[in-house]
Amino acid sequence: MNYGLIRRKVADFSKWKAIYDSNEPTRQEAGVKEKYVLHNVDDPNDVFTIFELEDVQKAREFFGSAALRAGMQQAGTVDQPDFYLLSD
């Protein structure tokens, strides 16, 4: 199984989460299945998401897309997110 891990800082977790949740269909189309949305205990605006990936190449395209970058900006991502593609 392949996984994706993203770490990002956001301006407001609640606002970010609402926009993130509304984009579930886009993630599904890309074969990116959410497993966990977590945030730092000491800083709720430090957010981690973990996904199962159906296809690594398709996930690379999704994670590198201009549409995803625009969505992250709209949701209030305030830094350059860290993306990791992982395998077990």
PDB file of N, CA and C in Angstrom:
ATOM      1  N   MET A   1       0.848  -1.172   0.000  1.00  0.00           N
ATOM      2  CA  MET A   1       0.000   0.000   0.000  1.00  0.00           C
ATOM      3  C   MET A   1       0.895   1.237   0.000  1.00  0.00           C
ATOM      4  N   ASN A   2       0.438   2.266  -0.695  1.00  0.00           N
ATOM      5  CA  ASN A   2       1.143   3.543  -0.745  1.00  0.00           C
ATOM      6  C   ASN A   2       0.339   4.593   0.007  1.00  0.00           C
ATOM      7  N   TYR A   3       1.073   5.524   0.603  1.00  0.00           N
ATOM      8  CA  TYR A   3       0.460   6.552   1.431  1.00  0.00           C
ATOM      9  C   TYR A   3       1.020   7.919   1.082  1.00  0.00           C
ATOM     10  N   GLY A   4       0.255   8.937   1.393  1.00  0.00           N
ATOM     11  CA  GLY A   4       0.708  10.312   1.294  1.00  0.00           C
ATOM     12  C   GLY A   4       0.599  10.966   2.657  1.00  0.00           C
ATOM     13  N   LEU A   5       1.572  11.766   2.989  1.00  0.00           N
ATOM     14  CA  LEU A   5       1.576  12.540   4.229  1.00  0.00           C
ATOM     15  C   LEU A   5       1.842  13.994   3.863  1.00  0.00           C
ATOM     16  N   ILE A   6       0.999  14.882   4.354  1.00  0.00           N
ATOM     17  CA  ILE A   6       1.190  16.307   4.127  1.00  0.00           C
ATOM     18  C   ILE A   6       1.199  17.007   5.483  1.00  0.00           C
ATOM     19  N   ARG A   7       2.180  17.875   5.673  1.00  0.00           N
ATOM     20  CA  ARG A   7       2.249  18.726   6.852  1.00  0.00           C
ATOM     21  C   ARG A   7       2.189  20.168   6.379  1.00  0.00           C
ATOM     22  N   ARG A   8       1.295  20.937   7.000  1.00  0.00           N
ATOM     23  CA  ARG A   8       1.132  22.338   6.606  1.00  0.00           C
ATOM     24  C   ARG A   8       0.746  23.171   7.820  1.00  0.00           C
ATOM     25  N   LYS A   9       1.046  24.469   7.739  1.00  0.00           N
ATOM     26  CA  LYS A   9       0.567  25.440   8.728  1.00  0.00           C
ATOM     27  C   LYS A   9      -0.603  26.179   8.092  1.00  0.00           C
ATOM     28  N   VAL A  10      -1.646  26.384   8.878  1.00  0.00           N
ATOM     29  CA  VAL A  10      -2.827  27.099   8.400  1.00  0.00           C
ATOM     30  C   VAL A  10      -3.112  28.276   9.321  1.00  0.00           C
ATOM     31  N   ALA A  11      -3.838  29.258   8.805  1.00  0.00           N
ATOM     32  CA  ALA A  11      -4.165  30.441   9.594  1.00  0.00           C
ATOM     33  C   ALA A  11      -5.226  30.127  10.642  1.00  0.00           C
ATOM     34  N   ASP A  12      -6.202  29.279  10.282  1.00  0.00           N
ATOM     35  CA  ASP A  12      -7.314  28.967  11.182  1.00  0.00           C
ATOM     36  C   ASP A  12      -7.788  27.550  10.878  1.00  0.00           C
ATOM     37  N   PHE A  13      -7.566  26.626  11.806  1.00  0.00           N
ATOM     38  CA  PHE A  13      -7.884  25.225  11.560  1.00  0.00           C
ATOM     39  C   PHE A  13      -9.349  25.022  11.172  1.00  0.00           C
ATOM     40  N   SER A  14     -10.280  25.653  11.865  1.00  0.00           N
ATOM     41  CA  SER A  14     -11.712  25.454  11.582  1.00  0.00           C
ATOM     42  C   SER A  14     -12.069  25.866  10.158  1.00  0.00           C
ATOM     43  N   LYS A  15     -11.564  27.020   9.729  1.00  0.00           N
ATOM     44  CA  LYS A  15     -11.823  27.474   8.354  1.00  0.00           C
ATOM     45  C   LYS A  15     -11.176  26.510   7.359  1.00  0.00           C
ATOM     46  N   TRP A  16      -9.923  26.149   7.609  1.00  0.00           N
ATOM     47  CA  TRP A  16      -9.219  25.231   6.722  1.00  0.00           C
ATOM     48  C   TRP A  16      -9.979  23.913   6.604  1.00  0.00           C
ATOM     49  N   LYS A  17     -10.422  23.363   7.732  1.00  0.00           N
ATOM     50  CA  LYS A  17     -11.081  22.052   7.739  1.00  0.00           C
ATOM     51  C   LYS A  17     -12.375  22.073   6.933  1.00  0.00           C
ATOM     52  N   ALA A  18     -13.145  23.143   7.046  1.00  0.00           N
ATOM     53  CA  ALA A  18     -14.402  23.242   6.289  1.00  0.00           C
ATOM     54  C   ALA A  18     -14.133  23.219   4.784  1.00  0.00           C
ATOM     55  N   ILE A  19     -13.143  23.961   4.330  1.00  0.00           N
ATOM     56  CA  ILE A  19     -12.811  23.993   2.901  1.00  0.00           C
ATOM     57  C   ILE A  19     -12.212  22.649   2.483  1.00  0.00           C
ATOM     58  N   TYR A  20     -11.332  22.103   3.304  1.00  0.00           N
ATOM     59  CA  TYR A  20     -10.738  20.786   3.034  1.00  0.00           C
ATOM     60  C   TYR A  20     -11.843  19.735   2.854  1.00  0.00           C
ATOM     61  N   ASP A  21     -12.795  19.688   3.774  1.00  0.00           N
ATOM     62  CA  ASP A  21     -13.881  18.704   3.701  1.00  0.00           C
ATOM     63  C   ASP A  21     -14.706  18.864   2.428  1.00  0.00           C
ATOM     64  N   SER A  22     -14.893  20.090   1.976  1.00  0.00           N
ATOM     65  CA  SER A  22     -15.703  20.318   0.774  1.00  0.00           C
ATOM     66  C   SER A  22     -15.016  19.806  -0.494  1.00  0.00           C
ATOM     67  N   ASN A  23     -13.719  19.528  -0.412  1.00  0.00           N
ATOM     68  CA  ASN A  23     -12.970  19.053  -1.578  1.00  0.00           C
ATOM     69  C   ASN A  23     -12.802  17.534  -1.619  1.00  0.00           C
ATOM     70  N   GLU A  24     -13.561  16.812  -0.824  1.00  0.00           N
ATOM     71  CA  GLU A  24     -13.486  15.346  -0.806  1.00  0.00           C
ATOM     72  C   GLU A  24     -13.681  14.737  -2.202  1.00  0.00           C
ATOM     73  N   PRO A  25     -14.664  15.182  -2.989  1.00  0.00           N
ATOM     74  CA  PRO A  25     -14.847  14.579  -4.323  1.00  0.00           C
ATOM     75  C   PRO A  25     -13.609  14.704  -5.216  1.00  0.00           C
ATOM     76  N   THR A  26     -12.902  15.806  -5.125  1.00  0.00           N
ATOM     77  CA  THR A  26     -11.697  16.001  -5.936  1.00  0.00           C
ATOM     78  C   THR A  26     -10.619  15.008  -5.533  1.00  0.00           C
ATOM     79  N   ARG A  27     -10.461  14.794  -4.220  1.00  0.00           N
ATOM     80  CA  ARG A  27      -9.482  13.808  -3.750  1.00  0.00           C
ATOM     81  C   ARG A  27      -9.875  12.406  -4.209  1.00  0.00           C
ATOM     82  N   GLN A  28     -11.157  12.087  -4.132  1.00  0.00           N
ATOM     83  CA  GLN A  28     -11.612  10.764  -4.564  1.00  0.00           C
ATOM     84  C   GLN A  28     -11.298  10.527  -6.033  1.00  0.00           C
ATOM     85  N   GLU A  29     -11.525  11.529  -6.869  1.00  0.00           N
ATOM     86  CA  GLU A  29     -11.217  11.411  -8.299  1.00  0.00           C
ATOM     87  C   GLU A  29      -9.752  11.092  -8.537  1.00  0.00           C
ATOM     88  N   ALA A  30      -8.894  11.637  -7.678  1.00  0.00           N
ATOM     89  CA  ALA A  30      -7.452  11.437  -7.817  1.00  0.00           C
ATOM     90  C   ALA A  30      -6.977  10.150  -7.150  1.00  0.00           C
ATOM     91  N   GLY A  31      -7.905   9.397  -6.544  1.00  0.00           N
ATOM     92  CA  GLY A  31      -7.520   8.153  -5.875  1.00  0.00           C
ATOM     93  C   GLY A  31      -6.786   8.393  -4.571  1.00  0.00           C
ATOM     94  N   VAL A  32      -7.076   9.524  -3.939  1.00  0.00           N
ATOM     95  CA  VAL A  32      -6.435   9.918  -2.682  1.00  0.00           C
ATOM     96  C   VAL A  32      -7.493   9.786  -1.582  1.00  0.00           C
ATOM     97  N   LYS A  33      -7.359   8.745  -0.758  1.00  0.00           N
ATOM     98  CA  LYS A  33      -8.370   8.437   0.262  1.00  0.00           C
ATOM     99  C   LYS A  33      -7.873   8.873   1.641  1.00  0.00           C
ATOM    100  N   GLU A  34      -8.595   9.806   2.244  1.00  0.00           N
ATOM    101  CA  GLU A  34      -8.218  10.301   3.565  1.00  0.00           C
ATOM    102  C   GLU A  34      -8.272   9.188   4.603  1.00  0.00           C
ATOM    103  N   LYS A  35      -7.220   9.108   5.400  1.00  0.00           N
ATOM    104  CA  LYS A  35      -7.184   8.196   6.541  1.00  0.00           C
ATOM    105  C   LYS A  35      -7.249   8.979   7.848  1.00  0.00           C
ATOM    106  N   TYR A  36      -6.458  10.059   7.939  1.00  0.00           N
ATOM    107  CA  TYR A  36      -6.404  10.850   9.162  1.00  0.00           C
ATOM    108  C   TYR A  36      -6.206  12.325   8.853  1.00  0.00           C
ATOM    109  N   VAL A  37      -6.851  13.164   9.634  1.00  0.00           N
ATOM    110  CA  VAL A  37      -6.565  14.593   9.692  1.00  0.00           C
ATOM    111  C   VAL A  37      -6.213  14.855  11.151  1.00  0.00           C
ATOM    112  N   LEU A  38      -4.981  15.286  11.376  1.00  0.00           N
ATOM    113  CA  LEU A  38      -4.472  15.471  12.729  1.00  0.00           C
ATOM    114  C   LEU A  38      -3.882  16.868  12.858  1.00  0.00           C
ATOM    115  N   HIS A  39      -3.850  17.364  14.083  1.00  0.00           N
ATOM    116  CA  HIS A  39      -3.145  18.621  14.306  1.00  0.00           C
ATOM    117  C   HIS A  39      -2.314  18.518  15.567  1.00  0.00           C
ATOM    118  N   ASN A  40      -1.312  19.347  15.620  1.00  0.00           N
ATOM    119  CA  ASN A  40      -0.385  19.388  16.734  1.00  0.00           C
ATOM    120  C   ASN A  40      -1.152  19.738  18.015  1.00  0.00           C
ATOM    121  N   VAL A  41      -0.893  19.015  19.089  1.00  0.00           N
ATOM    122  CA  VAL A  41      -1.560  19.246  20.370  1.00  0.00           C
ATOM    123  C   VAL A  41      -1.320  20.675  20.862  1.00  0.00           C
ATOM    124  N   ASP A  42      -0.126  21.181  20.645  1.00  0.00           N
ATOM    125  CA  ASP A  42       0.231  22.509  21.135  1.00  0.00           C
ATOM    126  C   ASP A  42      -0.075  23.626  20.148  1.00  0.00           C
ATOM    127  N   ASP A  43      -0.370  23.283  18.910  1.00  0.00           N
ATOM    128  CA  ASP A  43      -0.662  24.289  17.886  1.00  0.00           C
ATOM    129  C   ASP A  43      -1.643  23.692  16.881  1.00  0.00           C
ATOM    130  N   PRO A  44      -2.955  23.924  17.070  1.00  0.00           N
ATOM    131  CA  PRO A  44      -3.952  23.318  16.179  1.00  0.00           C
ATOM    132  C   PRO A  44      -3.856  23.775  14.731  1.00  0.00           C
ATOM    133  N   ASN A  45      -3.068  24.802  14.468  1.00  0.00           N
ATOM    134  CA  ASN A  45      -2.889  25.273  13.093  1.00  0.00           C
ATOM    135  C   ASN A  45      -1.715  24.603  12.383  1.00  0.00           C
ATOM    136  N   ASP A  46      -1.093  23.648  13.047  1.00  0.00           N
ATOM    137  CA  ASP A  46      -0.038  22.813  12.459  1.00  0.00           C
ATOM    138  C   ASP A  46      -0.717  21.479  12.137  1.00  0.00           C
ATOM    139  N   VAL A  47      -1.026  21.259  10.853  1.00  0.00           N
ATOM    140  CA  VAL A  47      -1.937  20.196  10.434  1.00  0.00           C
ATOM    141  C   VAL A  47      -1.208  19.119   9.635  1.00  0.00           C
ATOM    142  N   PHE A  48      -1.589  17.869   9.895  1.00  0.00           N
ATOM    143  CA  PHE A  48      -1.052  16.699   9.201  1.00  0.00           C
ATOM    144  C   PHE A  48      -2.217  15.915   8.610  1.00  0.00           C
ATOM    145  N   THR A  49      -2.090  15.504   7.361  1.00  0.00           N
ATOM    146  CA  THR A  49      -3.083  14.630   6.743  1.00  0.00           C
ATOM    147  C   THR A  49      -2.368  13.399   6.205  1.00  0.00           C
ATOM    148  N   ILE A  50      -3.014  12.255   6.369  1.00  0.00           N
ATOM    149  CA  ILE A  50      -2.470  10.988   5.889  1.00  0.00           C
ATOM    150  C   ILE A  50      -3.513  10.361   4.974  1.00  0.00           C
ATOM    151  N   PHE A  51      -3.049   9.903   3.817  1.00  0.00           N
ATOM    152  CA  PHE A  51      -3.931   9.355   2.788  1.00  0.00           C
ATOM    153  C   PHE A  51      -3.440   7.990   2.324  1.00  0.00           C
ATOM    154  N   GLU A  52      -4.374   7.139   1.896  1.00  0.00           N
ATOM    155  CA  GLU A  52      -4.036   5.954   1.112  1.00  0.00           C
ATOM    156  C   GLU A  52      -4.089   6.374  -0.348  1.00  0.00           C
ATOM    157  N   LEU A  53      -3.136   5.889  -1.131  1.00  0.00           N
ATOM    158  CA  LEU A  53      -3.039   6.283  -2.540  1.00  0.00           C
ATOM    159  C   LEU A  53      -3.276   5.080  -3.436  1.00  0.00           C
ATOM    160  N   GLU A  54      -4.221   5.199  -4.346  1.00  0.00           N
ATOM    161  CA  GLU A  54      -4.478   4.125  -5.306  1.00  0.00           C
ATOM    162  C   GLU A  54      -3.361   4.013  -6.330  1.00  0.00           C
ATOM    163  N   ASP A  55      -2.820   5.151  -6.749  1.00  0.00           N
ATOM    164  CA  ASP A  55      -1.828   5.193  -7.817  1.00  0.00           C
ATOM    165  C   ASP A  55      -0.841   6.318  -7.510  1.00  0.00           C
ATOM    166  N   VAL A  56       0.426   5.970  -7.327  1.00  0.00           N
ATOM    167  CA  VAL A  56       1.430   6.960  -6.936  1.00  0.00           C
ATOM    168  C   VAL A  56       1.575   8.063  -7.990  1.00  0.00           C
ATOM    169  N   GLN A  57       1.606   7.710  -9.261  1.00  0.00           N
ATOM    170  CA  GLN A  57       1.763   8.725 -10.303  1.00  0.00           C
ATOM    171  C   GLN A  57       0.586   9.684 -10.317  1.00  0.00           C
ATOM    172  N   LYS A  58      -0.607   9.151 -10.199  1.00  0.00           N
ATOM    173  CA  LYS A  58      -1.799   9.999 -10.161  1.00  0.00           C
ATOM    174  C   LYS A  58      -1.759  10.906  -8.928  1.00  0.00           C
ATOM    175  N   ALA A  59      -1.283  10.382  -7.807  1.00  0.00           N
ATOM    176  CA  ALA A  59      -1.159  11.184  -6.580  1.00  0.00           C
ATOM    177  C   ALA A  59      -0.132  12.295  -6.773  1.00  0.00           C
ATOM    178  N   ARG A  60       1.002  11.989  -7.425  1.00  0.00           N
ATOM    179  CA  ARG A  60       2.017  13.017  -7.692  1.00  0.00           C
ATOM    180  C   ARG A  60       1.402  14.169  -8.502  1.00  0.00           C
ATOM    181  N   GLU A  61       0.631  13.807  -9.504  1.00  0.00           N
ATOM    182  CA  GLU A  61      -0.010  14.826 -10.346  1.00  0.00           C
ATOM    183  C   GLU A  61      -0.983  15.663  -9.519  1.00  0.00           C
ATOM    184  N   PHE A  62      -1.768  15.008  -8.676  1.00  0.00           N
ATOM    185  CA  PHE A  62      -2.731  15.717  -7.839  1.00  0.00           C
ATOM    186  C   PHE A  62      -2.017  16.642  -6.863  1.00  0.00           C
ATOM    187  N   PHE A  63      -1.009  16.116  -6.132  1.00  0.00           N
ATOM    188  CA  PHE A  63      -0.309  16.915  -5.134  1.00  0.00           C
ATOM    189  C   PHE A  63       0.483  18.058  -5.768  1.00  0.00           C
ATOM    190  N   GLY A  64       0.834  17.931  -7.033  1.00  0.00           N
ATOM    191  CA  GLY A  64       1.578  18.983  -7.725  1.00  0.00           C
ATOM    192  C   GLY A  64       0.719  19.926  -8.543  1.00  0.00           C
ATOM    193  N   SER A  65      -0.590  19.748  -8.482  1.00  0.00           N
ATOM    194  CA  SER A  65      -1.477  20.509  -9.365  1.00  0.00           C
ATOM    195  C   SER A  65      -1.679  21.955  -8.913  1.00  0.00           C
ATOM    196  N   ALA A  66      -1.881  22.808  -9.897  1.00  0.00           N
ATOM    197  CA  ALA A  66      -2.180  24.210  -9.626  1.00  0.00           C
ATOM    198  C   ALA A  66      -3.512  24.333  -8.888  1.00  0.00           C
ATOM    199  N   ALA A  67      -4.460  23.467  -9.202  1.00  0.00           N
ATOM    200  CA  ALA A  67      -5.769  23.508  -8.531  1.00  0.00           C
ATOM    201  C   ALA A  67      -5.617  23.232  -7.035  1.00  0.00           C
ATOM    202  N   LEU A  68      -4.763  22.283  -6.679  1.00  0.00           N
ATOM    203  CA  LEU A  68      -4.551  21.996  -5.262  1.00  0.00           C
ATOM    204  C   LEU A  68      -3.869  23.181  -4.578  1.00  0.00           C
ATOM    205  N   ARG A  69      -2.876  23.760  -5.213  1.00  0.00           N
ATOM    206  CA  ARG A  69      -2.195  24.927  -4.625  1.00  0.00           C
ATOM    207  C   ARG A  69      -3.183  26.077  -4.408  1.00  0.00           C
ATOM    208  N   ALA A  70      -4.057  26.318  -5.377  1.00  0.00           N
ATOM    209  CA  ALA A  70      -5.054  27.386  -5.238  1.00  0.00           C
ATOM    210  C   ALA A  70      -6.020  27.073  -4.099  1.00  0.00           C
ATOM    211  N   GLY A  71      -6.429  25.819  -3.997  1.00  0.00           N
ATOM    212  CA  GLY A  71      -7.331  25.422  -2.916  1.00  0.00           C
ATOM    213  C   GLY A  71      -6.689  25.579  -1.550  1.00  0.00           C
ATOM    214  N   MET A  72      -5.405  25.221  -1.447  1.00  0.00           N
ATOM    215  CA  MET A  72      -4.708  25.368  -0.172  1.00  0.00           C
ATOM    216  C   MET A  72      -4.606  26.841   0.212  1.00  0.00           C
ATOM    217  N   GLN A  73      -4.344  27.684  -0.759  1.00  0.00           N
ATOM    218  CA  GLN A  73      -4.263  29.117  -0.479  1.00  0.00           C
ATOM    219  C   GLN A  73      -5.621  29.638  -0.014  1.00  0.00           C
ATOM    220  N   GLN A  74      -6.685  29.231  -0.701  1.00  0.00           N
ATOM    221  CA  GLN A  74      -8.039  29.647  -0.335  1.00  0.00           C
ATOM    222  C   GLN A  74      -8.386  29.188   1.078  1.00  0.00           C
ATOM    223  N   ALA A  75      -7.929  27.993   1.450  1.00  0.00           N
ATOM    224  CA  ALA A  75      -8.236  27.444   2.765  1.00  0.00           C
ATOM    225  C   ALA A  75      -7.404  28.070   3.881  1.00  0.00           C
ATOM    226  N   GLY A  76      -6.391  28.834   3.529  1.00  0.00           N
ATOM    227  CA  GLY A  76      -5.597  29.517   4.540  1.00  0.00           C
ATOM    228  C   GLY A  76      -4.286  28.861   4.888  1.00  0.00           C
ATOM    229  N   THR A  77      -3.737  28.049   3.973  1.00  0.00           N
ATOM    230  CA  THR A  77      -2.404  27.486   4.195  1.00  0.00           C
ATOM    231  C   THR A  77      -1.410  28.642   4.126  1.00  0.00           C
ATOM    232  N   VAL A  78      -0.552  28.749   5.167  1.00  0.00           N
ATOM    233  CA  VAL A  78       0.320  29.918   5.269  1.00  0.00           C
ATOM    234  C   VAL A  78       1.793  29.611   5.040  1.00  0.00           C
ATOM    235  N   ASP A  79       2.121  28.363   4.726  1.00  0.00           N
ATOM    236  CA  ASP A  79       3.511  28.021   4.442  1.00  0.00           C
ATOM    237  C   ASP A  79       3.575  27.099   3.241  1.00  0.00           C
ATOM    238  N   GLN A  80       4.762  26.704   2.887  1.00  0.00           N
ATOM    239  CA  GLN A  80       4.943  25.720   1.816  1.00  0.00           C
ATOM    240  C   GLN A  80       4.768  24.339   2.455  1.00  0.00           C
ATOM    241  N   PRO A  81       3.709  23.605   2.123  1.00  0.00           N
ATOM    242  CA  PRO A  81       3.473  22.305   2.733  1.00  0.00           C
ATOM    243  C   PRO A  81       4.591  21.306   2.403  1.00  0.00           C
ATOM    244  N   ASP A  82       4.787  20.374   3.313  1.00  0.00           N
ATOM    245  CA  ASP A  82       5.707  19.267   3.092  1.00  0.00           C
ATOM    246  C   ASP A  82       4.886  18.074   2.631  1.00  0.00           C
ATOM    247  N   PHE A  83       5.242  17.501   1.478  1.00  0.00           N
ATOM    248  CA  PHE A  83       4.566  16.335   0.913  1.00  0.00           C
ATOM    249  C   PHE A  83       5.507  15.149   0.960  1.00  0.00           C
ATOM    250  N   TYR A  84       5.002  14.014   1.403  1.00  0.00           N
ATOM    251  CA  TYR A  84       5.787  12.782   1.420  1.00  0.00           C
ATOM    252  C   TYR A  84       4.961  11.673   0.797  1.00  0.00           C
ATOM    253  N   LEU A  85       5.568  10.907  -0.095  1.00  0.00           N
ATOM    254  CA  LEU A  85       4.959   9.697  -0.639  1.00  0.00           C
ATOM    255  C   LEU A  85       5.656   8.530   0.042  1.00  0.00           C
ATOM    256  N   LEU A  86       4.860   7.651   0.651  1.00  0.00           N
ATOM    257  CA  LEU A  86       5.390   6.577   1.499  1.00  0.00           C
ATOM    258  C   LEU A  86       4.838   5.221   1.059  1.00  0.00           C
ATOM    259  N   SER A  87       5.565   4.170   1.377  1.00  0.00           N
ATOM    260  CA  SER A  87       5.128   2.810   1.069  1.00  0.00           C
ATOM    261  C   SER A  87       5.428   1.918   2.254  1.00  0.00           C
ATOM    262  N   ASP A  88       4.600   0.890   2.422  1.00  0.00           N
ATOM    263  CA  ASP A  88       4.882  -0.045   3.522  1.00  0.00           C
ATOM    264  C   ASP A  88       5.603  -1.277   3.028  1.00  0.00           C
TER     265      ASP A  88
END
